[in-house]
Amino acid sequence: MRRLGLALGAIGYFGYALCTACAIELSGPVLMPAFVAAVPVLLALLGNTPTKMLAWRTLLFPLSLLAGGLLLITLRGNNSSVADPHTFAVGVVFSLVAVALWLSFSVLNQNALGKIPARSTGGWTALMMAGSALCMLVLMPLGYALRLFKLPCLGASYDNAGSLYAWAIVIALFSSVFGAWAWNMACRYLPLVLSGQLIALESMFATLLCLAFEKRLPRVHETLAITAVLTGTTLAIRLLWATNEAGGQR
């Protein structure tokens, strides 16, 4: 279980974040959130297959909304920032790998949390963070060899890299450590068919953040896609709550 916890950190945090960053760098800021929007659909299918918590006909409409939002933002996505089709294709590959890593992480983590006591959730989260950090340390020499880091050339002083340090600390504490703990707590109390839907919010937040960096409002198709993703997520949550309440009454 310790080895699994370390491996999940390497898969779900370091590997997923690395592939996400590469996808955004190569194919622009809109495509990767669109692919992340496919994760709830796939996780819902994986989570509902063994449990049959919800009838497939009940899931059809919210999943259709999620898939429709993904299709819309993919077909009408703004790829004008990517000039080289080959580079864009490589970005698509990184997006697919990121989705595959998160799917694997979600299923394995959900199963593992069912085998450890609730009081060990914090320790389980710490194992994940340690696994992610170890993976980063092992691969860091490769990054230096490939000249992926600008810090050695620009200098590591606070004047040159102060904003980098600030962003790194904020992301490490709130996104990685606290985010991992909160995700583990959610997975402990929610079935995969529901917790998998919540990753759709990452797609929305990532899109809005990218739009803020680009200093523009969302286009019509982007607004429709985000609305479809959020509506599908909300409907899935309400359906599950209704199912749980009906089961409790029986």
Protein backbone atom coordinates (compact mmCIF):
# COMPACT_ATOMS: atom_id res chain seq x y z
CA MET A 1 0.00 0.00 0.00
CA ARG A 2 2.90 2.37 0.65
CA ARG A 3 4.33 1.67 -2.77
CA LEU A 4 0.89 2.18 -4.29
CA GLY A 5 0.51 5.53 -2.53
CA LEU A 6 3.88 6.70 -3.85
CA ALA A 7 3.01 5.50 -7.35
CA LEU A 8 -0.36 7.27 -7.30
CA GLY A 9 1.39 10.53 -6.45
CA ALA A 10 3.72 10.07 -9.41
CA ILE A 11 0.81 9.19 -11.72
CA GLY A 12 -1.95 11.50 -10.60
CA TYR A 13 0.01 14.59 -9.70
CA PHE A 14 3.43 14.75 -11.29
CA GLY A 15 2.58 12.81 -14.47
CA TYR A 16 -0.83 14.40 -14.95
CA ALA A 17 0.45 17.93 -14.28
CA LEU A 18 3.45 17.45 -16.60
CA CYS A 19 1.31 16.18 -19.49
CA THR A 20 -1.20 18.97 -18.92
CA ALA A 21 1.51 21.63 -19.05
CA CYS A 22 2.99 20.14 -22.22
CA ALA A 23 -0.43 19.95 -23.87
CA ILE A 24 -1.20 23.60 -23.11
CA GLU A 25 2.24 24.71 -24.27
CA LEU A 26 1.99 22.82 -27.57
CA SER A 27 -1.70 23.06 -28.50
CA GLY A 28 -2.98 26.18 -26.79
CA PRO A 29 -5.01 26.86 -23.64
CA VAL A 30 -8.45 25.64 -24.78
CA LEU A 31 -7.86 22.10 -26.03
CA MET A 32 -6.59 20.56 -22.79
CA PRO A 33 -9.57 21.70 -20.67
CA ALA A 34 -11.80 20.27 -23.38
CA PHE A 35 -10.15 16.88 -23.03
CA VAL A 36 -10.40 17.06 -19.24
CA ALA A 37 -14.14 17.52 -19.72
CA ALA A 38 -14.21 13.97 -21.14
CA VAL A 39 -12.96 12.54 -17.84
CA PRO A 40 -16.33 12.73 -16.03
CA VAL A 41 -18.00 10.82 -18.85
CA LEU A 42 -15.41 8.05 -18.77
CA LEU A 43 -15.29 7.86 -14.97
CA ALA A 44 -19.05 7.73 -14.75
CA LEU A 45 -19.07 4.79 -17.13
CA LEU A 46 -16.30 3.04 -15.16
CA GLY A 47 -17.85 3.78 -11.78
CA ASN A 48 -21.40 2.84 -12.68
CA THR A 49 -20.54 -0.45 -14.38
CA PRO A 50 -19.91 -2.55 -11.23
CA THR A 51 -22.29 -0.74 -8.85
CA LYS A 52 -25.26 0.02 -11.12
CA MET A 53 -26.05 2.86 -8.71
CA LEU A 54 -27.90 4.68 -11.45
CA ALA A 55 -29.71 3.21 -14.43
CA TRP A 56 -27.97 3.93 -17.71
CA ARG A 57 -31.07 5.64 -19.09
CA THR A 58 -30.95 8.00 -16.08
CA LEU A 59 -27.33 8.90 -16.80
CA LEU A 60 -27.92 9.38 -20.50
CA PHE A 61 -28.98 13.02 -20.40
CA PRO A 62 -26.27 14.45 -18.07
CA LEU A 63 -23.58 12.45 -19.86
CA SER A 64 -24.89 13.69 -23.19
CA LEU A 65 -24.58 17.27 -21.96
CA LEU A 66 -20.99 16.64 -20.88
CA ALA A 67 -20.12 14.97 -24.16
CA GLY A 68 -21.87 17.70 -26.13
CA GLY A 69 -19.91 20.41 -24.34
CA LEU A 70 -16.68 18.54 -25.04
CA LEU A 71 -17.55 18.09 -28.71
CA LEU A 72 -18.49 21.73 -29.13
CA ILE A 73 -15.36 23.17 -27.59
CA THR A 74 -13.19 20.68 -29.48
CA LEU A 75 -14.70 21.36 -32.89
CA ARG A 76 -14.89 25.12 -32.44
CA GLY A 77 -11.83 25.55 -30.23
CA ASN A 78 -9.48 28.42 -30.92
CA ASN A 79 -6.31 26.84 -32.27
CA SER A 80 -5.03 29.95 -34.00
CA SER A 81 -2.09 30.19 -31.60
CA VAL A 82 -0.70 26.93 -32.93
CA ALA A 83 0.94 27.36 -36.32
CA ASP A 84 2.51 23.93 -36.79
CA PRO A 85 0.00 21.06 -37.26
CA HIS A 86 2.61 18.57 -36.07
CA THR A 87 3.11 20.51 -32.85
CA PHE A 88 -0.64 20.64 -32.33
CA ALA A 89 -0.88 16.87 -32.88
CA VAL A 90 1.78 16.26 -30.24
CA GLY A 91 -0.26 18.44 -27.89
CA VAL A 92 -3.29 16.25 -28.55
CA VAL A 93 -1.22 13.18 -27.64
CA PHE A 94 -0.15 14.78 -24.35
CA SER A 95 -3.82 15.60 -23.66
CA LEU A 96 -4.84 11.98 -24.21
CA VAL A 97 -2.03 10.73 -21.97
CA ALA A 98 -3.09 13.16 -19.25
CA VAL A 99 -6.66 11.88 -19.40
CA ALA A 100 -5.46 8.27 -19.26
CA LEU A 101 -3.26 9.02 -16.23
CA TRP A 102 -6.10 10.69 -14.36
CA LEU A 103 -8.50 7.86 -15.13
CA SER A 104 -5.99 5.31 -13.82
CA PHE A 105 -5.30 7.42 -10.75
CA SER A 106 -8.99 7.88 -9.94
CA VAL A 107 -9.90 4.20 -10.16
CA LEU A 108 -6.83 2.95 -8.25
CA ASN A 109 -7.13 5.63 -5.57
CA GLN A 110 -10.83 4.97 -5.03
CA ASN A 111 -10.15 1.26 -4.52
CA ALA A 112 -7.21 1.92 -2.19
CA LEU A 113 -9.16 4.33 0.02
CA GLY A 114 -11.68 1.57 0.67
CA LYS A 115 -8.89 -0.57 2.19
CA ILE A 116 -7.38 1.94 4.63
CA PRO A 117 -9.01 3.46 7.75
CA ALA A 118 -10.43 6.97 7.61
CA ARG A 119 -7.84 8.26 10.09
CA SER A 120 -5.10 7.40 7.59
CA THR A 121 -6.37 9.75 4.86
CA GLY A 122 -3.83 12.41 5.81
CA GLY A 123 -0.97 9.92 5.74
CA TRP A 124 -2.19 8.57 2.40
CA THR A 125 -2.13 12.11 1.00
CA ALA A 126 1.40 12.61 2.33
CA LEU A 127 2.51 9.44 0.57
CA MET A 128 1.13 10.79 -2.70
CA MET A 129 2.97 14.07 -2.30
CA ALA A 130 6.19 12.20 -1.46
CA GLY A 131 5.80 10.04 -4.58
CA SER A 132 5.26 13.11 -6.75
CA ALA A 133 8.31 14.84 -5.26
CA LEU A 134 10.52 11.77 -5.71
CA CYS A 135 9.46 11.44 -9.33
CA MET A 136 10.26 15.10 -9.92
CA LEU A 137 13.72 14.75 -8.33
CA VAL A 138 14.52 11.68 -10.42
CA LEU A 139 13.50 13.33 -13.69
CA MET A 140 14.91 16.79 -12.96
CA PRO A 141 18.39 15.96 -14.37
CA LEU A 142 16.69 14.97 -17.63
CA GLY A 143 15.00 18.35 -17.76
CA TYR A 144 18.33 20.11 -17.25
CA ALA A 145 19.94 17.97 -19.96
CA LEU A 146 17.15 18.88 -22.41
CA ARG A 147 17.45 22.58 -21.48
CA LEU A 148 13.82 22.79 -20.41
CA PHE A 149 14.54 25.11 -17.48
CA LYS A 150 15.25 28.82 -17.91
CA LEU A 151 16.09 29.39 -14.26
CA PRO A 152 19.80 28.47 -14.54
CA CYS A 153 20.21 31.04 -17.33
CA LEU A 154 18.10 33.81 -15.81
CA GLY A 155 19.38 33.36 -12.27
CA ALA A 156 17.68 32.07 -9.12
CA SER A 157 17.70 35.33 -7.16
CA TYR A 158 14.47 36.69 -5.75
CA ASP A 159 14.55 39.65 -8.13
CA ASN A 160 14.60 37.33 -11.15
CA ALA A 161 12.41 34.50 -9.91
CA GLY A 162 10.34 35.93 -7.06
CA SER A 163 7.05 35.53 -8.89
CA LEU A 164 7.98 31.92 -9.76
CA TYR A 165 8.61 31.11 -6.10
CA ALA A 166 5.34 32.73 -5.05
CA TRP A 167 3.29 30.82 -7.64
CA ALA A 168 5.08 27.57 -6.78
CA ILE A 169 4.31 27.91 -3.06
CA VAL A 170 0.65 28.79 -3.67
CA ILE A 171 0.14 25.90 -6.12
CA ALA A 172 2.01 23.44 -3.91
CA LEU A 173 -0.01 24.25 -0.78
CA PHE A 174 -3.49 24.81 -2.16
CA SER A 175 -3.58 22.72 -5.33
CA SER A 176 -1.30 19.82 -4.48
CA VAL A 177 -1.35 19.28 -0.68
CA PHE A 178 -4.75 20.65 0.32
CA GLY A 179 -6.29 19.69 -3.03
CA ALA A 180 -5.05 16.10 -2.74
CA TRP A 181 -6.37 15.80 0.82
CA ALA A 182 -9.76 17.24 -0.16
CA TRP A 183 -9.96 14.91 -3.18
CA ASN A 184 -9.16 11.88 -1.00
CA MET A 185 -11.85 12.90 1.49
CA ALA A 186 -14.37 13.31 -1.31
CA CYS A 187 -13.47 9.93 -2.79
CA ARG A 188 -13.85 8.29 0.62
CA TYR A 189 -17.44 9.47 1.06
CA LEU A 190 -18.60 9.62 -2.56
CA PRO A 191 -18.87 6.79 -5.10
CA LEU A 192 -16.73 6.97 -8.23
CA VAL A 193 -19.78 7.64 -10.40
CA LEU A 194 -20.23 10.94 -8.51
CA SER A 195 -16.68 11.96 -7.58
CA GLY A 196 -15.70 11.48 -11.20
CA GLN A 197 -18.19 14.16 -12.20
CA LEU A 198 -16.49 16.75 -10.01
CA ILE A 199 -13.35 16.83 -12.16
CA ALA A 200 -15.51 18.64 -14.72
CA LEU A 201 -15.09 21.73 -12.57
CA GLU A 202 -11.36 21.63 -13.31
CA SER A 203 -12.18 22.06 -16.97
CA MET A 204 -14.30 25.11 -16.22
CA PHE A 205 -11.74 26.72 -13.90
CA ALA A 206 -8.88 26.04 -16.31
CA THR A 207 -10.81 27.60 -19.19
CA LEU A 208 -11.75 30.68 -17.17
CA LEU A 209 -8.16 31.11 -15.96
CA CYS A 210 -6.83 30.86 -19.50
CA LEU A 211 -9.35 33.45 -20.63
CA ALA A 212 -8.25 35.74 -17.80
CA PHE A 213 -4.61 35.42 -18.90
CA GLU A 214 -5.65 36.20 -22.47
CA LYS A 215 -7.73 39.17 -21.19
CA ARG A 216 -10.84 38.31 -23.17
CA LEU A 217 -14.39 37.12 -22.57
CA PRO A 218 -15.45 33.61 -23.59
CA ARG A 219 -16.79 33.21 -27.10
CA VAL A 220 -20.32 31.99 -27.70
CA HIS A 221 -19.34 28.35 -28.27
CA GLU A 222 -17.05 28.40 -25.21
CA THR A 223 -19.89 29.74 -23.04
CA LEU A 224 -22.26 27.08 -24.33
CA ALA A 225 -19.69 24.32 -23.74
CA ILE A 226 -18.95 25.44 -20.15
CA THR A 227 -22.68 25.68 -19.44
CA ALA A 228 -23.26 22.17 -20.80
CA VAL A 229 -20.46 20.72 -18.64
CA LEU A 230 -21.72 22.40 -15.45
CA THR A 231 -25.33 21.48 -16.15
CA GLY A 232 -24.42 17.84 -16.73
CA THR A 233 -22.43 17.77 -13.48
CA THR A 234 -25.25 19.35 -11.48
CA LEU A 235 -27.83 16.96 -12.89
CA ALA A 236 -25.64 13.95 -12.08
CA ILE A 237 -25.24 15.11 -8.47
CA ARG A 238 -28.97 15.65 -8.05
CA LEU A 239 -29.76 12.28 -9.56
CA LEU A 240 -27.36 10.53 -7.19
CA TRP A 241 -28.71 12.32 -4.15
CA ALA A 242 -32.25 11.40 -5.16
CA THR A 243 -31.17 7.76 -5.59
CA ASN A 244 -29.48 7.69 -2.17
CA GLU A 245 -32.52 9.24 -0.46
CA ALA A 246 -34.86 6.74 -2.10
CA GLY A 247 -32.60 3.86 -1.03
CA GLY A 248 -32.49 5.16 2.54
CA GLN A 249 -36.26 5.41 2.74
CA ARG A 250 -36.59 1.84 1.52
